[in-house]
Protein backbone atom coordinates (compact mmCIF):
# COMPACT_ATOMS: atom_id res chain seq x y z
CA MET A 1 12.07 -5.76 0.74
CA ARG A 2 9.07 -3.99 0.04
CA LEU A 3 6.55 -4.91 -2.49
CA ILE A 4 3.87 -2.92 -4.13
CA THR A 5 1.56 -3.68 -6.51
CA PHE A 6 0.55 -0.26 -8.34
CA ILE A 7 -0.89 1.53 -11.95
CA ASN A 8 1.48 3.32 -14.05
CA ASP A 9 1.26 4.70 -17.17
CA ASP A 10 -2.06 2.53 -17.19
CA ARG A 11 -0.44 -0.73 -16.42
CA GLU A 12 -1.13 -2.73 -13.60
CA GLN A 13 2.28 -3.69 -12.07
CA ILE A 14 4.31 -4.98 -9.37
CA GLY A 15 7.70 -3.29 -8.50
CA VAL A 16 10.22 -2.68 -4.96
CA ARG A 17 9.84 0.36 -3.11
CA GLN A 18 12.96 2.04 -2.03
CA GLY A 19 12.49 4.94 0.12
CA ASP A 20 10.19 7.61 -2.05
CA ARG A 21 11.29 5.49 -5.12
CA VAL A 22 9.89 2.42 -7.00
CA ILE A 23 11.62 -0.15 -9.05
CA PRO A 24 9.54 -1.44 -11.48
CA VAL A 25 9.88 -5.36 -11.50
CA SER A 26 10.01 -5.42 -15.29
CA SER A 27 12.97 -2.91 -15.47
CA LEU A 28 14.78 -5.83 -13.39
CA SER A 29 14.03 -8.29 -15.92
CA SER A 30 11.42 -9.39 -18.32
CA ASP A 31 11.94 -13.24 -16.80
CA LEU A 32 11.00 -11.80 -13.29
CA PRO A 33 6.75 -12.69 -12.71
CA GLY A 34 4.08 -9.93 -13.07
CA SER A 35 2.15 -10.50 -9.86
CA ILE A 36 3.52 -11.25 -6.31
CA ARG A 37 1.26 -13.84 -5.94
CA GLN A 38 3.15 -15.78 -8.77
CA LEU A 39 6.23 -14.35 -7.58
CA LEU A 40 5.86 -16.16 -4.30
CA ALA A 41 4.91 -19.35 -6.14
CA GLU A 42 7.41 -19.40 -8.47
CA ASP A 43 10.03 -18.76 -5.53
CA CYS A 44 11.54 -15.45 -6.87
CA LEU A 45 12.36 -13.41 -3.40
CA GLY A 46 16.23 -14.28 -3.55
CA GLU A 47 16.30 -13.69 -7.08
CA LEU A 48 14.45 -9.99 -7.02
CA ALA A 49 16.68 -9.25 -3.73
CA ARG A 50 19.84 -9.77 -5.61
CA LYS A 51 18.72 -7.83 -8.55
CA CYS A 52 17.26 -4.96 -7.11
CA ALA A 53 20.92 -4.53 -5.07
CA ASP A 54 22.77 -4.19 -8.92
CA PHE A 55 19.80 -1.84 -10.43
CA THR A 56 21.29 1.29 -11.61
CA GLY A 57 18.37 2.00 -14.14
CA ASP A 58 14.87 4.39 -13.77
CA SER A 59 12.78 4.30 -10.81
CA ILE A 60 9.24 5.90 -10.79
CA ALA A 61 8.55 8.76 -7.48
CA ILE A 62 6.13 7.42 -4.96
CA ALA A 63 4.01 9.92 -5.89
CA ASP A 64 3.13 9.17 -9.25
CA ILE A 65 1.93 5.78 -8.85
CA ASP A 66 -1.85 4.58 -7.87
CA TYR A 67 -1.98 2.10 -5.53
CA ARG A 68 -3.67 -1.50 -5.88
CA PRO A 69 -4.58 -4.20 -3.24
CA LEU A 70 -1.75 -5.75 -2.44
CA ILE A 71 -2.64 -8.87 -4.40
CA PRO A 72 -5.87 -8.21 -6.68
CA VAL A 73 -6.64 -11.42 -6.62
CA PRO A 74 -5.09 -13.31 -4.15
CA GLY A 75 -6.42 -17.68 -3.70
CA LYS A 76 -7.54 -17.15 -0.98
CA VAL A 77 -8.13 -14.05 2.09
CA ILE A 78 -9.04 -15.97 5.32
CA CYS A 79 -9.92 -13.15 7.95
CA ILE A 80 -10.06 -14.21 12.09
CA GLY A 81 -12.78 -13.03 14.06
CA ARG A 82 -12.41 -12.07 17.79
CA ASN A 83 -8.75 -12.97 17.76
CA TYR A 84 -8.25 -10.40 20.80
CA ALA A 85 -9.73 -10.88 24.14
CA ALA A 86 -10.67 -7.42 24.49
CA HIS A 87 -12.17 -7.13 21.25
CA ALA A 88 -14.58 -10.19 22.22
CA ALA A 89 -15.39 -8.74 25.30
CA GLU A 90 -16.21 -5.50 24.17
CA GLY A 91 -18.79 -7.61 21.67
CA GLY A 92 -20.34 -9.39 24.85
CA ALA A 93 -18.34 -12.35 24.03
CA VAL A 94 -16.12 -14.80 25.60
CA ALA A 95 -12.86 -15.36 24.00
CA PRO A 96 -12.67 -18.11 21.52
CA THR A 97 -10.68 -21.31 21.91
CA PHE A 98 -10.33 -22.02 18.28
CA PRO A 99 -10.26 -19.54 15.47
CA GLU A 100 -13.25 -18.04 14.18
CA VAL A 101 -12.86 -18.38 10.16
CA PHE A 102 -14.55 -16.16 8.05
CA PHE A 103 -13.47 -15.51 4.01
CA ARG A 104 -13.52 -12.14 1.87
CA GLY A 105 -13.99 -12.14 -1.66
CA THR A 106 -11.86 -10.21 -4.59
CA THR A 107 -14.46 -7.87 -5.05
CA SER A 108 -14.53 -6.43 -1.45
CA LEU A 109 -11.07 -5.66 -1.63
CA THR A 110 -9.43 -1.92 -2.32
CA ALA A 111 -6.21 0.13 -2.41
CA HIS A 112 -4.34 2.27 -0.24
CA GLU A 113 -5.07 5.44 -0.33
CA GLY A 114 -8.19 4.33 -2.25
CA VAL A 115 -11.87 4.52 -1.36
CA ILE A 116 -13.48 2.42 1.40
CA VAL A 117 -17.53 2.41 0.08
CA ARG A 118 -20.33 3.24 2.74
CA PRO A 119 -23.04 1.20 0.78
CA GLN A 120 -26.65 3.16 0.07
CA CYS A 121 -28.44 0.54 2.69
CA SER A 122 -26.76 1.14 5.79
CA GLU A 123 -25.04 3.71 7.79
CA MET A 124 -23.18 1.09 10.13
CA LEU A 125 -19.79 0.76 8.98
CA ASP A 126 -17.01 0.48 11.38
CA PHE A 127 -13.29 0.16 10.99
CA GLU A 128 -10.92 -2.83 12.00
CA GLY A 129 -7.51 -2.06 11.94
CA GLU A 130 -5.44 -5.19 11.85
CA PHE A 131 -1.76 -6.73 9.83
CA ALA A 132 -2.14 -9.75 7.54
CA PHE A 133 -0.09 -11.87 6.61
CA VAL A 134 0.83 -14.08 3.00
CA ILE A 135 1.87 -17.41 2.38
CA GLY A 136 4.92 -17.67 0.81
CA LYS A 137 5.62 -21.24 -0.04
CA SER A 138 2.48 -24.48 -0.24
CA CYS A 139 1.81 -26.10 3.39
CA ARG A 140 -0.28 -28.76 4.80
CA HIS A 141 -0.31 -29.98 8.54
CA ALA A 142 2.69 -27.27 9.57
CA THR A 143 3.78 -27.39 12.89
CA GLU A 144 3.72 -24.47 14.95
CA SER A 145 7.80 -24.78 14.84
CA LYS A 146 7.74 -24.59 11.56
CA ALA A 147 4.80 -22.24 10.86
CA LEU A 148 6.71 -19.55 10.33
CA ASP A 149 9.04 -21.07 7.28
CA TYR A 150 5.47 -20.68 5.44
CA VAL A 151 5.21 -16.80 5.71
CA ALA A 152 6.73 -14.70 3.08
CA GLY A 153 5.75 -11.34 4.59
CA TYR A 154 3.31 -8.94 6.22
CA THR A 155 0.83 -6.27 5.62
CA LEU A 156 -1.61 -4.21 7.18
CA PHE A 157 -5.61 -4.01 6.84
CA ASN A 158 -8.60 -2.28 7.73
CA ASP A 159 -11.94 -4.93 8.01
CA ALA A 160 -14.28 -2.68 7.33
CA THR A 161 -17.98 -4.02 8.14
CA ILE A 162 -21.49 -3.25 7.75
CA ARG A 163 -22.55 -4.55 11.13
CA ASN A 164 -26.51 -4.74 10.81
CA TYR A 165 -25.57 -7.03 7.74
CA GLN A 166 -22.94 -9.03 10.02
CA LYS A 167 -25.42 -9.82 12.42
CA PHE A 168 -28.67 -10.77 10.07
CA SER A 169 -27.04 -13.94 9.70
CA SER A 170 -25.01 -16.76 12.01
CA GLN A 171 -22.19 -16.17 9.67
CA TRP A 172 -20.53 -13.23 9.81
CA THR A 173 -19.56 -13.35 6.17
CA ILE A 174 -22.44 -11.13 4.22
CA GLY A 175 -21.53 -7.91 6.11
CA LYS A 176 -17.59 -8.85 5.81
CA ASN A 177 -17.98 -8.97 1.73
CA PHE A 178 -19.41 -5.71 0.47
CA ASP A 179 -17.58 -4.31 -2.50
CA SER A 180 -14.68 -1.81 -1.83
CA THR A 181 -14.83 -2.29 2.33
CA GLY A 182 -11.61 -4.77 2.65
CA ALA A 183 -8.31 -2.02 2.67
CA PHE A 184 -5.25 -4.10 1.77
CA GLY A 185 -1.81 -2.55 1.62
CA PRO A 186 0.47 -0.74 0.95
CA GLU A 187 3.00 -2.96 0.83
CA LEU A 188 4.52 -6.49 1.54
CA VAL A 189 7.44 -6.48 3.77
CA THR A 190 9.00 -9.42 3.88
CA ALA A 191 9.73 -11.44 6.83
CA ASP A 192 13.38 -10.93 7.36
CA GLU A 193 12.41 -7.01 7.80
CA LEU A 194 10.17 -7.78 11.13
CA PRO A 195 10.65 -9.36 14.48
CA GLU A 196 9.01 -13.04 14.19
CA GLY A 197 5.47 -13.57 14.24
CA MET A 198 5.33 -9.56 14.42
CA THR A 199 5.87 -10.21 18.41
CA GLY A 200 6.42 -6.62 20.42
CA LEU A 201 4.93 -4.54 18.01
CA SER A 202 1.70 -2.06 18.47
CA LEU A 203 -1.23 -1.63 16.16
CA THR A 204 -3.23 1.69 16.23
CA THR A 205 -6.29 3.02 14.00
CA ARG A 206 -7.26 6.74 13.57
CA LEU A 207 -10.03 8.01 12.37
CA ASN A 208 -10.21 11.68 11.51
CA GLY A 209 -6.93 11.79 13.84
CA GLN A 210 -8.29 10.58 16.78
CA LEU A 211 -6.80 7.68 18.20
CA MET A 212 -9.38 5.00 18.13
CA GLN A 213 -8.08 1.88 18.52
CA ASP A 214 -3.96 0.44 20.29
CA GLY A 215 -3.17 -2.86 20.63
CA GLN A 216 -0.75 -5.02 21.47
CA ILE A 217 0.01 -8.05 18.80
CA ASP A 218 1.33 -9.99 21.30
CA ASP A 219 -2.37 -10.24 23.04
CA LEU A 220 -3.44 -12.35 19.99
CA ILE A 221 -5.55 -15.25 20.81
CA PHE A 222 -4.05 -17.22 18.05
CA PRO A 223 -0.56 -15.59 16.99
CA VAL A 224 0.42 -16.26 13.22
CA ARG A 225 2.52 -19.51 13.95
CA SER A 226 -1.04 -20.90 15.39
CA LEU A 227 -2.54 -19.81 12.48
CA VAL A 228 -1.06 -21.17 10.23
CA ALA A 229 -0.49 -24.71 12.13
CA ILE A 230 -4.55 -24.57 12.66
CA LEU A 231 -5.39 -23.63 9.09
CA SER A 232 -3.37 -26.09 7.13
CA GLU A 233 -4.63 -28.71 9.35
CA CYS A 234 -7.78 -28.64 6.99
CA MET A 235 -6.85 -26.95 3.80
CA THR A 236 -3.45 -26.15 2.03
CA LEU A 237 -2.48 -22.68 2.31
CA GLU A 238 -0.82 -21.65 -1.14
CA PRO A 239 1.54 -19.30 -1.96
CA GLY A 240 0.11 -15.63 -2.12
CA ASP A 241 -3.01 -16.48 0.29
CA VAL A 242 -3.96 -13.51 2.77
CA ILE A 243 -5.10 -14.51 6.55
CA VAL A 244 -6.09 -11.31 8.25
CA THR A 245 -5.25 -11.75 12.29
CA GLY A 246 -8.14 -9.65 14.05
CA THR A 247 -8.59 -6.49 15.38
CA PRO A 248 -8.23 -5.48 18.96
CA ALA A 249 -10.56 -3.23 21.28
CA GLY A 250 -11.75 -0.06 20.37
CA VAL A 251 -14.31 -0.82 17.16
CA GLY A 252 -17.19 1.92 16.63
CA PHE A 253 -20.25 -0.64 17.26
CA ALA A 254 -18.97 -1.01 21.06
CA ARG A 255 -18.80 2.73 21.70
CA LYS A 256 -21.69 4.65 23.63
CA PRO A 257 -22.99 6.47 21.16
CA PRO A 258 -21.69 4.15 18.14
CA ILE A 259 -19.05 5.66 16.13
CA TRP A 260 -19.47 5.06 11.96
CA MET A 261 -17.67 6.05 9.42
CA LYS A 262 -19.39 8.17 7.36
CA ALA A 263 -18.18 10.10 3.78
CA GLY A 264 -15.79 12.68 4.06
CA ASP A 265 -13.65 10.82 6.55
CA THR A 266 -9.94 9.62 6.63
CA VAL A 267 -9.43 6.36 8.15
CA GLU A 268 -5.28 5.31 9.12
CA VAL A 269 -4.34 2.04 10.26
CA THR A 270 -0.28 1.80 11.51
CA VAL A 271 1.66 -1.03 12.93
CA ASP A 272 5.81 0.08 12.96
CA GLY A 273 7.84 -1.37 10.22
CA LEU A 274 4.78 -1.65 8.01
CA GLY A 275 3.66 2.23 7.97
CA THR A 276 0.21 3.26 7.81
CA LEU A 277 -2.28 2.32 5.44
CA ILE A 278 -4.87 5.03 4.32
CA ASN A 279 -8.32 5.34 3.34
CA PHE A 280 -10.61 7.77 2.36
CA VAL A 281 -14.28 7.14 2.82
CA GLN A 282 -17.02 7.88 0.13
CA ASP A 283 -21.02 6.88 0.28
CA GLU A 284 -22.16 4.46 -2.87
CA VAL A 285 -22.99 6.13 -6.11
CA GLN A 286 -24.87 3.74 -8.42
């Protein structure tokens, strides 16, 4: 299944995309939750799939919706830095021996076909195309052999970064949490529709149509199984938590001269099976 969060008729709701149409979950049953996070917490994916298979009512054209961040208010957005060796090297760092973890807040999130905001205080707005996975069941002390049992599905993320602010501190958090810089979506593709752990797939980022990043997901230093196991050593991963897995080489700051995103740009992140996350860059307006 492919789940989205969207606005239609001035109301936030969730739906199942089937081709160029969306089935609102509220049309399937009034008993089903109205958010992806709660849908996972109540273990409703199986019921949702069965109801979709029998649905004969009205659906909504995908062109008539406005996307929201896939999970607008996640419990956690856990991001992993330098998770591809080539990206670590282009920044002058060695590959980490333990995941480099930082968090994003909800005000930093923006939607598919939404705006990434370049703030007034900096021109150093960089792109970082990534894929993310969403936790479907609570877990603590997961083993790698069982880790994928806790993954509900996968999506795309653009971890857009204010590079000079990222370097103002020994921690990266400030450069990663400017408003409307973390693009998230367009949809949650359930794990049964994809290779285990996203193995064998590639990820690309294009800026104004030009290929900037082209990475192989098999090159992850810490793949999905490892991340679930390592993170759950120290914290309970809960339904709806989002883990953003890291970006491959090719980011803007490492180029000579650097390439920064600017107002009017379009940036696209693509993984086969997950589709394309599209965003438009605008300058901050007070």
